[in-house]
Amino acid sequence: MKNSLLKWYMLAFMLVSNLVVFAQPGSGGQGPGGPEGGDEDDVSLNGKIFLLGISGIIFAYMYYKRFLSNKQSV
């Protein structure tokens, strides 16, 4: 039980930290160049982070299902 809880905690931590680490300020924020600093476009992760999470959950489910079938056949 403890090992399973640790795995779920690590999964949640990785998904949440991904958003925090790679997110950039929106158009209202001042980037490294200041308000008149540069022509860089802001990258929005809000729309794609859900797709990343869903694909990760699907991958984990398929991996676990394959692991259980291999364990039962041995």
PDB file of N, CA and C in Angstrom:
ATOM      1  N   MET A   1       0.828  -1.196   0.000  1.00  0.00           N
ATOM      2  CA  MET A   1       0.000   0.000   0.000  1.00  0.00           C
ATOM      3  C   MET A   1       0.868   1.254   0.000  1.00  0.00           C
ATOM      4  N   LYS A   2       1.918   1.244   0.814  1.00  0.00           N
ATOM      5  CA  LYS A   2       2.786   2.406   0.907  1.00  0.00           C
ATOM      6  C   LYS A   2       3.499   2.667  -0.417  1.00  0.00           C
ATOM      7  N   ASN A   3       3.947   1.592  -1.066  1.00  0.00           N
ATOM      8  CA  ASN A   3       4.641   1.729  -2.333  1.00  0.00           C
ATOM      9  C   ASN A   3       3.701   2.262  -3.408  1.00  0.00           C
ATOM     10  N   SER A   4       2.467   1.802  -3.424  1.00  0.00           N
ATOM     11  CA  SER A   4       1.488   2.265  -4.400  1.00  0.00           C
ATOM     12  C   SER A   4       1.165   3.741  -4.182  1.00  0.00           C
ATOM     13  N   LEU A   5       1.006   4.146  -2.943  1.00  0.00           N
ATOM     14  CA  LEU A   5       0.721   5.549  -2.641  1.00  0.00           C
ATOM     15  C   LEU A   5       1.888   6.434  -3.060  1.00  0.00           C
ATOM     16  N   LEU A   6       3.094   5.972  -2.864  1.00  0.00           N
ATOM     17  CA  LEU A   6       4.266   6.727  -3.271  1.00  0.00           C
ATOM     18  C   LEU A   6       4.305   6.910  -4.787  1.00  0.00           C
ATOM     19  N   LYS A   7       3.943   5.884  -5.535  1.00  0.00           N
ATOM     20  CA  LYS A   7       3.916   5.987  -6.997  1.00  0.00           C
ATOM     21  C   LYS A   7       2.875   7.006  -7.456  1.00  0.00           C
ATOM     22  N   TRP A   8       1.699   7.008  -6.854  1.00  0.00           N
ATOM     23  CA  TRP A   8       0.662   7.976  -7.229  1.00  0.00           C
ATOM     24  C   TRP A   8       1.086   9.394  -6.851  1.00  0.00           C
ATOM     25  N   TYR A   9       1.748   9.536  -5.714  1.00  0.00           N
ATOM     26  CA  TYR A   9       2.226  10.849  -5.295  1.00  0.00           C
ATOM     27  C   TYR A   9       3.276  11.365  -6.272  1.00  0.00           C
ATOM     28  N   MET A  10       4.183  10.504  -6.693  1.00  0.00           N
ATOM     29  CA  MET A  10       5.221  10.920  -7.640  1.00  0.00           C
ATOM     30  C   MET A  10       4.617  11.282  -8.995  1.00  0.00           C
ATOM     31  N   LEU A  11       3.613  10.546  -9.450  1.00  0.00           N
ATOM     32  CA  LEU A  11       2.945  10.864 -10.707  1.00  0.00           C
ATOM     33  C   LEU A  11       2.287  12.240 -10.627  1.00  0.00           C
ATOM     34  N   ALA A  12       1.568  12.499  -9.561  1.00  0.00           N
ATOM     35  CA  ALA A  12       0.913  13.798  -9.393  1.00  0.00           C
ATOM     36  C   ALA A  12       1.947  14.912  -9.311  1.00  0.00           C
ATOM     37  N   PHE A  13       3.041  14.671  -8.609  1.00  0.00           N
ATOM     38  CA  PHE A  13       4.096  15.680  -8.483  1.00  0.00           C
ATOM     39  C   PHE A  13       4.713  15.998  -9.835  1.00  0.00           C
ATOM     40  N   MET A  14       4.966  14.978 -10.652  1.00  0.00           N
ATOM     41  CA  MET A  14       5.564  15.204 -11.967  1.00  0.00           C
ATOM     42  C   MET A  14       4.628  15.983 -12.884  1.00  0.00           C
ATOM     43  N   LEU A  15       3.336  15.668 -12.860  1.00  0.00           N
ATOM     44  CA  LEU A  15       2.388  16.383 -13.707  1.00  0.00           C
ATOM     45  C   LEU A  15       2.249  17.843 -13.289  1.00  0.00           C
ATOM     46  N   VAL A  16       2.195  18.095 -11.995  1.00  0.00           N
ATOM     47  CA  VAL A  16       2.041  19.463 -11.514  1.00  0.00           C
ATOM     48  C   VAL A  16       3.327  20.256 -11.693  1.00  0.00           C
ATOM     49  N   SER A  17       4.466  19.650 -11.421  1.00  0.00           N
ATOM     50  CA  SER A  17       5.722  20.376 -11.554  1.00  0.00           C
ATOM     51  C   SER A  17       6.023  20.690 -13.009  1.00  0.00           C
ATOM     52  N   ASN A  18       5.557  19.868 -13.938  1.00  0.00           N
ATOM     53  CA  ASN A  18       5.750  20.145 -15.349  1.00  0.00           C
ATOM     54  C   ASN A  18       5.107  21.470 -15.724  1.00  0.00           C
ATOM     55  N   LEU A  19       3.924  21.718 -15.235  1.00  0.00           N
ATOM     56  CA  LEU A  19       3.228  22.971 -15.525  1.00  0.00           C
ATOM     57  C   LEU A  19       3.964  24.148 -14.898  1.00  0.00           C
ATOM     58  N   VAL A  20       4.424  24.005 -13.683  1.00  0.00           N
ATOM     59  CA  VAL A  20       5.075  25.104 -12.978  1.00  0.00           C
ATOM     60  C   VAL A  20       6.442  25.418 -13.582  1.00  0.00           C
ATOM     61  N   VAL A  21       7.190  24.403 -13.949  1.00  0.00           N
ATOM     62  CA  VAL A  21       8.547  24.610 -14.442  1.00  0.00           C
ATOM     63  C   VAL A  21       8.563  25.209 -15.843  1.00  0.00           C
ATOM     64  N   PHE A  22       7.685  24.745 -16.721  1.00  0.00           N
ATOM     65  CA  PHE A  22       7.746  25.166 -18.108  1.00  0.00           C
ATOM     66  C   PHE A  22       6.782  26.286 -18.481  1.00  0.00           C
ATOM     67  N   ALA A  23       5.921  26.706 -17.588  1.00  0.00           N
ATOM     68  CA  ALA A  23       4.986  27.777 -17.893  1.00  0.00           C
ATOM     69  C   ALA A  23       5.730  29.104 -17.958  1.00  0.00           C
ATOM     70  N   GLN A  24       5.266  29.953 -18.840  1.00  0.00           N
ATOM     71  CA  GLN A  24       5.842  31.277 -18.996  1.00  0.00           C
ATOM     72  C   GLN A  24       4.765  32.306 -18.719  1.00  0.00           C
ATOM     73  N   PRO A  25       5.163  33.519 -18.373  1.00  0.00           N
ATOM     74  CA  PRO A  25       4.145  34.531 -18.105  1.00  0.00           C
ATOM     75  C   PRO A  25       3.348  34.864 -19.365  1.00  0.00           C
ATOM     76  N   GLY A  26       2.120  35.294 -19.163  1.00  0.00           N
ATOM     77  CA  GLY A  26       1.258  35.657 -20.287  1.00  0.00           C
ATOM     78  C   GLY A  26       1.681  36.973 -20.912  1.00  0.00           C
ATOM     79  N   SER A  27       0.839  37.525 -21.740  1.00  0.00           N
ATOM     80  CA  SER A  27       1.187  38.756 -22.444  1.00  0.00           C
ATOM     81  C   SER A  27       1.256  39.953 -21.500  1.00  0.00           C
ATOM     82  N   GLY A  28       0.623  39.864 -20.326  1.00  0.00           N
ATOM     83  CA  GLY A  28       0.661  40.970 -19.384  1.00  0.00           C
ATOM     84  C   GLY A  28       1.928  40.998 -18.547  1.00  0.00           C
ATOM     85  N   GLY A  29       2.654  39.890 -18.476  1.00  0.00           N
ATOM     86  CA  GLY A  29       3.857  39.820 -17.660  1.00  0.00           C
ATOM     87  C   GLY A  29       5.059  40.406 -18.361  1.00  0.00           C
ATOM     88  N   GLN A  30       6.037  40.797 -17.582  1.00  0.00           N
ATOM     89  CA  GLN A  30       7.270  41.322 -18.151  1.00  0.00           C
ATOM     90  C   GLN A  30       8.296  40.210 -18.191  1.00  0.00           C
ATOM     91  N   GLY A  31       8.716  39.869 -19.365  1.00  0.00           N
ATOM     92  CA  GLY A  31       9.715  38.824 -19.533  1.00  0.00           C
ATOM     93  C   GLY A  31      11.107  39.357 -19.263  1.00  0.00           C
ATOM     94  N   PRO A  32      12.126  38.638 -19.674  1.00  0.00           N
ATOM     95  CA  PRO A  32      13.501  39.060 -19.436  1.00  0.00           C
ATOM     96  C   PRO A  32      13.844  40.378 -20.107  1.00  0.00           C
ATOM     97  N   GLY A  33      13.173  40.714 -21.208  1.00  0.00           N
ATOM     98  CA  GLY A  33      13.501  41.935 -21.925  1.00  0.00           C
ATOM     99  C   GLY A  33      12.719  43.146 -21.473  1.00  0.00           C
ATOM    100  N   GLY A  34      11.815  42.996 -20.550  1.00  0.00           N
ATOM    101  CA  GLY A  34      10.996  44.118 -20.113  1.00  0.00           C
ATOM    102  C   GLY A  34       9.795  44.303 -21.021  1.00  0.00           C
ATOM    103  N   PRO A  35       8.998  45.352 -20.787  1.00  0.00           N
ATOM    104  CA  PRO A  35       7.784  45.526 -21.570  1.00  0.00           C
ATOM    105  C   PRO A  35       8.054  45.821 -23.048  1.00  0.00           C
ATOM    106  N   GLU A  36       9.145  46.524 -23.364  1.00  0.00           N
ATOM    107  CA  GLU A  36       9.446  46.824 -24.750  1.00  0.00           C
ATOM    108  C   GLU A  36      10.579  45.960 -25.274  1.00  0.00           C
ATOM    109  N   GLY A  37      10.911  44.891 -24.522  1.00  0.00           N
ATOM    110  CA  GLY A  37      12.112  44.104 -24.728  1.00  0.00           C
ATOM    111  C   GLY A  37      12.245  43.342 -26.018  1.00  0.00           C
ATOM    112  N   GLY A  38      11.297  42.514 -26.399  1.00  0.00           N
ATOM    113  CA  GLY A  38      11.595  41.655 -27.528  1.00  0.00           C
ATOM    114  C   GLY A  38      10.361  41.253 -28.304  1.00  0.00           C
ATOM    115  N   ASP A  39      10.620  40.483 -29.327  1.00  0.00           N
ATOM    116  CA  ASP A  39       9.561  40.024 -30.203  1.00  0.00           C
ATOM    117  C   ASP A  39       9.185  38.582 -29.935  1.00  0.00           C
ATOM    118  N   GLU A  40       9.605  38.009 -28.793  1.00  0.00           N
ATOM    119  CA  GLU A  40       9.315  36.602 -28.500  1.00  0.00           C
ATOM    120  C   GLU A  40       7.826  36.409 -28.278  1.00  0.00           C
ATOM    121  N   ASP A  41       7.322  35.295 -28.765  1.00  0.00           N
ATOM    122  CA  ASP A  41       5.926  34.934 -28.517  1.00  0.00           C
ATOM    123  C   ASP A  41       5.839  34.122 -27.231  1.00  0.00           C
ATOM    124  N   ASP A  42       4.802  34.385 -26.441  1.00  0.00           N
ATOM    125  CA  ASP A  42       4.591  33.607 -25.225  1.00  0.00           C
ATOM    126  C   ASP A  42       4.045  32.239 -25.590  1.00  0.00           C
ATOM    127  N   VAL A  43       4.470  31.240 -24.842  1.00  0.00           N
ATOM    128  CA  VAL A  43       4.018  29.873 -25.090  1.00  0.00           C
ATOM    129  C   VAL A  43       2.954  29.534 -24.063  1.00  0.00           C
ATOM    130  N   SER A  44       1.802  29.093 -24.522  1.00  0.00           N
ATOM    131  CA  SER A  44       0.715  28.725 -23.631  1.00  0.00           C
ATOM    132  C   SER A  44       0.690  27.214 -23.458  1.00  0.00           C
ATOM    133  N   LEU A  45       0.816  26.743 -22.224  1.00  0.00           N
ATOM    134  CA  LEU A  45       0.785  25.316 -21.943  1.00  0.00           C
ATOM    135  C   LEU A  45      -0.572  24.854 -21.422  1.00  0.00           C
ATOM    136  N   ASN A  46      -1.441  25.767 -21.134  1.00  0.00           N
ATOM    137  CA  ASN A  46      -2.709  25.410 -20.512  1.00  0.00           C
ATOM    138  C   ASN A  46      -3.551  24.493 -21.388  1.00  0.00           C
ATOM    139  N   GLY A  47      -3.542  24.681 -22.682  1.00  0.00           N
ATOM    140  CA  GLY A  47      -4.350  23.863 -23.568  1.00  0.00           C
ATOM    141  C   GLY A  47      -3.788  22.472 -23.781  1.00  0.00           C
ATOM    142  N   LYS A  48      -2.489  22.332 -23.727  1.00  0.00           N
ATOM    143  CA  LYS A  48      -1.852  21.054 -24.049  1.00  0.00           C
ATOM    144  C   LYS A  48      -1.526  20.206 -22.825  1.00  0.00           C
ATOM    145  N   ILE A  49      -1.538  20.779 -21.640  1.00  0.00           N
ATOM    146  CA  ILE A  49      -1.158  20.012 -20.445  1.00  0.00           C
ATOM    147  C   ILE A  49      -2.193  18.934 -20.150  1.00  0.00           C
ATOM    148  N   PHE A  50      -3.443  19.173 -20.475  1.00  0.00           N
ATOM    149  CA  PHE A  50      -4.474  18.161 -20.256  1.00  0.00           C
ATOM    150  C   PHE A  50      -4.278  16.974 -21.197  1.00  0.00           C
ATOM    151  N   LEU A  51      -3.905  17.253 -22.432  1.00  0.00           N
ATOM    152  CA  LEU A  51      -3.625  16.167 -23.373  1.00  0.00           C
ATOM    153  C   LEU A  51      -2.430  15.342 -22.914  1.00  0.00           C
ATOM    154  N   LEU A  52      -1.426  16.004 -22.386  1.00  0.00           N
ATOM    155  CA  LEU A  52      -0.259  15.300 -21.862  1.00  0.00           C
ATOM    156  C   LEU A  52      -0.644  14.415 -20.679  1.00  0.00           C
ATOM    157  N   GLY A  53      -1.457  14.934 -19.780  1.00  0.00           N
ATOM    158  CA  GLY A  53      -1.901  14.149 -18.630  1.00  0.00           C
ATOM    159  C   GLY A  53      -2.754  12.959 -19.023  1.00  0.00           C
ATOM    160  N   ILE A  54      -3.679  13.174 -19.952  1.00  0.00           N
ATOM    161  CA  ILE A  54      -4.554  12.080 -20.400  1.00  0.00           C
ATOM    162  C   ILE A  54      -3.739  11.009 -21.106  1.00  0.00           C
ATOM    163  N   SER A  55      -2.809  11.417 -21.959  1.00  0.00           N
ATOM    164  CA  SER A  55      -1.982  10.421 -22.648  1.00  0.00           C
ATOM    165  C   SER A  55      -1.093   9.670 -21.663  1.00  0.00           C
ATOM    166  N   GLY A  56      -0.617  10.334 -20.638  1.00  0.00           N
ATOM    167  CA  GLY A  56       0.177   9.663 -19.611  1.00  0.00           C
ATOM    168  C   GLY A  56      -0.632   8.645 -18.828  1.00  0.00           C
ATOM    169  N   ILE A  57      -1.859   8.991 -18.503  1.00  0.00           N
ATOM    170  CA  ILE A  57      -2.732   8.062 -17.772  1.00  0.00           C
ATOM    171  C   ILE A  57      -3.064   6.847 -18.635  1.00  0.00           C
ATOM    172  N   ILE A  58      -3.342   7.079 -19.918  1.00  0.00           N
ATOM    173  CA  ILE A  58      -3.622   5.965 -20.824  1.00  0.00           C
ATOM    174  C   ILE A  58      -2.399   5.064 -20.965  1.00  0.00           C
ATOM    175  N   PHE A  59      -1.230   5.658 -21.098  1.00  0.00           N
ATOM    176  CA  PHE A  59      -0.002   4.871 -21.206  1.00  0.00           C
ATOM    177  C   PHE A  59       0.235   4.045 -19.943  1.00  0.00           C
ATOM    178  N   ALA A  60       0.032   4.660 -18.777  1.00  0.00           N
ATOM    179  CA  ALA A  60       0.238   3.938 -17.516  1.00  0.00           C
ATOM    180  C   ALA A  60      -0.753   2.782 -17.386  1.00  0.00           C
ATOM    181  N   TYR A  61      -2.004   2.987 -17.792  1.00  0.00           N
ATOM    182  CA  TYR A  61      -3.006   1.926 -17.730  1.00  0.00           C
ATOM    183  C   TYR A  61      -2.620   0.766 -18.645  1.00  0.00           C
ATOM    184  N   MET A  62      -2.200   1.080 -19.869  1.00  0.00           N
ATOM    185  CA  MET A  62      -1.822   0.023 -20.806  1.00  0.00           C
ATOM    186  C   MET A  62      -0.580  -0.726 -20.315  1.00  0.00           C
ATOM    187  N   TYR A  63       0.368  -0.014 -19.751  1.00  0.00           N
ATOM    188  CA  TYR A  63       1.577  -0.634 -19.229  1.00  0.00           C
ATOM    189  C   TYR A  63       1.246  -1.555 -18.056  1.00  0.00           C
ATOM    190  N   TYR A  64       0.376  -1.087 -17.157  1.00  0.00           N
ATOM    191  CA  TYR A  64      -0.014  -1.885 -15.997  1.00  0.00           C
ATOM    192  C   TYR A  64      -0.799  -3.123 -16.423  1.00  0.00           C
ATOM    193  N   LYS A  65      -1.675  -2.964 -17.409  1.00  0.00           N
ATOM    194  CA  LYS A  65      -2.455  -4.096 -17.914  1.00  0.00           C
ATOM    195  C   LYS A  65      -1.527  -5.145 -18.525  1.00  0.00           C
ATOM    196  N   ARG A  66      -0.530  -4.712 -19.293  1.00  0.00           N
ATOM    197  CA  ARG A  66       0.433  -5.632 -19.892  1.00  0.00           C
ATOM    198  C   ARG A  66       1.282  -6.301 -18.809  1.00  0.00           C
ATOM    199  N   PHE A  67       1.644  -5.548 -17.789  1.00  0.00           N
ATOM    200  CA  PHE A  67       2.426  -6.094 -16.683  1.00  0.00           C
ATOM    201  C   PHE A  67       1.654  -7.200 -15.963  1.00  0.00           C
ATOM    202  N   LEU A  68       0.359  -6.973 -15.725  1.00  0.00           N
ATOM    203  CA  LEU A  68      -0.463  -7.987 -15.052  1.00  0.00           C
ATOM    204  C   LEU A  68      -0.622  -9.241 -15.909  1.00  0.00           C
ATOM    205  N   SER A  69      -0.788  -9.068 -17.201  1.00  0.00           N
ATOM    206  CA  SER A  69      -0.944 -10.250 -18.068  1.00  0.00           C
ATOM    207  C   SER A  69       0.360 -11.050 -18.144  1.00  0.00           C
ATOM    208  N   ASN A  70       1.492 -10.385 -18.144  1.00  0.00           N
ATOM    209  CA  ASN A  70       2.783 -11.090 -18.139  1.00  0.00           C
ATOM    210  C   ASN A  70       3.022 -11.779 -16.800  1.00  0.00           C
ATOM    211  N   LYS A  71       2.586 -11.167 -15.735  1.00  0.00           N
ATOM    212  CA  LYS A  71       2.773 -11.749 -14.407  1.00  0.00           C
ATOM    213  C   LYS A  71       1.925 -13.002 -14.241  1.00  0.00           C
ATOM    214  N   GLN A  72       0.714 -13.016 -14.783  1.00  0.00           N
ATOM    215  CA  GLN A  72      -0.181 -14.179 -14.671  1.00  0.00           C
ATOM    216  C   GLN A  72       0.279 -15.319 -15.559  1.00  0.00           C
ATOM    217  N   SER A  73       0.920 -15.015 -16.680  1.00  0.00           N
ATOM    218  CA  SER A  73       1.348 -16.076 -17.590  1.00  0.00           C
ATOM    219  C   SER A  73       2.620 -16.760 -17.113  1.00  0.00           C
ATOM    220  N   VAL A  74       3.377 -16.124 -16.255  1.00  0.00           N
ATOM    221  CA  VAL A  74       4.640 -16.719 -15.764  1.00  0.00           C
ATOM    222  C   VAL A  74       4.417 -17.614 -14.616  1.00  0.00           C
TER     223      VAL A  74
END
